[in-house]
Amino acid sequence: MKTKLTLVAIATSLAVGGTGLWLLISEKQAAWERREKFFGSSNEYPTSGGEKMKVEW
């Protein structure tokens, strides 16, 4: 009985930990893409020449 509970606890913690890790990695990737799009597209959104800078979130 005690062994079953231990195995269930380990399996649950692995599942929760894996899900949390996956969410963390996907959020970091999304943040990186937003940062690249915002800072890396200076030619697409000029700040001089009479045009206002467009901000997309």
C-alpha atoms as a PDB file:
ATOM      1  CA  MET A   1       0.000   0.000   0.000  1.00  0.00           C
ATOM      2  CA  LYS A   2       2.782   2.408   0.940  1.00  0.00           C
ATOM      3  CA  THR A   3       4.694   1.557  -2.241  1.00  0.00           C
ATOM      4  CA  LYS A   4       1.664   2.317  -4.405  1.00  0.00           C
ATOM      5  CA  LEU A   5       1.203   5.699  -2.760  1.00  0.00           C
ATOM      6  CA  THR A   6       4.877   6.507  -3.260  1.00  0.00           C
ATOM      7  CA  LEU A   7       4.707   5.558  -6.944  1.00  0.00           C
ATOM      8  CA  VAL A   8       1.554   7.594  -7.445  1.00  0.00           C
ATOM      9  CA  ALA A   9       3.177  10.594  -5.755  1.00  0.00           C
ATOM     10  CA  ILE A  10       6.277  10.287  -7.951  1.00  0.00           C
ATOM     11  CA  ALA A  11       4.214   9.938 -11.136  1.00  0.00           C
ATOM     12  CA  THR A  12       2.070  12.934 -10.203  1.00  0.00           C
ATOM     13  CA  SER A  13       5.066  15.120  -9.424  1.00  0.00           C
ATOM     14  CA  LEU A  14       6.723  14.153 -12.714  1.00  0.00           C
ATOM     15  CA  ALA A  15       3.573  14.952 -14.664  1.00  0.00           C
ATOM     16  CA  VAL A  16       3.121  18.325 -12.970  1.00  0.00           C
ATOM     17  CA  GLY A  17       6.817  19.140 -13.308  1.00  0.00           C
ATOM     18  CA  GLY A  18       6.859  18.218 -16.989  1.00  0.00           C
ATOM     19  CA  THR A  19       3.813  20.346 -17.690  1.00  0.00           C
ATOM     20  CA  GLY A  20       5.294  23.284 -15.812  1.00  0.00           C
ATOM     21  CA  LEU A  21       8.574  22.966 -17.684  1.00  0.00           C
ATOM     22  CA  TRP A  22       6.762  22.812 -21.021  1.00  0.00           C
ATOM     23  CA  LEU A  23       4.748  25.933 -20.189  1.00  0.00           C
ATOM     24  CA  LEU A  24       7.883  27.784 -19.087  1.00  0.00           C
ATOM     25  CA  ILE A  25       9.758  26.918 -22.277  1.00  0.00           C
ATOM     26  CA  SER A  26       6.834  27.829 -24.545  1.00  0.00           C
ATOM     27  CA  GLU A  27       6.351  31.164 -22.757  1.00  0.00           C
ATOM     28  CA  LYS A  28      10.064  31.966 -23.061  1.00  0.00           C
ATOM     29  CA  GLN A  29       9.889  31.171 -26.786  1.00  0.00           C
ATOM     30  CA  ALA A  30       6.828  33.400 -27.245  1.00  0.00           C
ATOM     31  CA  ALA A  31       8.508  36.240 -25.344  1.00  0.00           C
ATOM     32  CA  TRP A  32      11.638  35.875 -27.466  1.00  0.00           C
ATOM     33  CA  GLU A  33       9.567  36.032 -30.674  1.00  0.00           C
ATOM     34  CA  ARG A  34       7.771  39.168 -29.461  1.00  0.00           C
ATOM     35  CA  ARG A  35      11.099  40.766 -28.573  1.00  0.00           C
ATOM     36  CA  GLU A  36      12.567  39.862 -31.985  1.00  0.00           C
ATOM     37  CA  LYS A  37       9.523  41.242 -33.766  1.00  0.00           C
ATOM     38  CA  PHE A  38       9.562  44.480 -31.763  1.00  0.00           C
ATOM     39  CA  PHE A  39      13.288  45.252 -31.801  1.00  0.00           C
ATOM     40  CA  GLY A  40      14.395  43.412 -34.914  1.00  0.00           C
ATOM     41  CA  SER A  41      12.126  45.062 -37.472  1.00  0.00           C
ATOM     42  CA  SER A  42      13.560  48.579 -37.575  1.00  0.00           C
ATOM     43  CA  ASN A  43      13.285  48.711 -41.390  1.00  0.00           C
ATOM     44  CA  GLU A  44       9.644  47.754 -41.295  1.00  0.00           C
ATOM     45  CA  TYR A  45       8.651  50.464 -38.809  1.00  0.00           C
ATOM     46  CA  PRO A  46      10.768  53.599 -39.351  1.00  0.00           C
ATOM     47  CA  THR A  47      10.761  56.302 -36.685  1.00  0.00           C
ATOM     48  CA  SER A  48      11.970  59.089 -38.972  1.00  0.00           C
ATOM     49  CA  GLY A  49      10.743  60.517 -42.253  1.00  0.00           C
ATOM     50  CA  GLY A  50       7.390  61.660 -40.938  1.00  0.00           C
ATOM     51  CA  GLU A  51       6.047  58.213 -40.065  1.00  0.00           C
ATOM     52  CA  LYS A  52       5.064  57.267 -36.549  1.00  0.00           C
ATOM     53  CA  MET A  53       6.378  54.063 -35.057  1.00  0.00           C
ATOM     54  CA  LYS A  54       3.821  51.249 -35.062  1.00  0.00           C
ATOM     55  CA  VAL A  55       3.719  49.124 -31.932  1.00  0.00           C
ATOM     56  CA  GLU A  56       2.250  45.637 -32.150  1.00  0.00           C
ATOM     57  CA  TRP A  57       1.761  43.438 -29.138  1.00  0.00           C
END
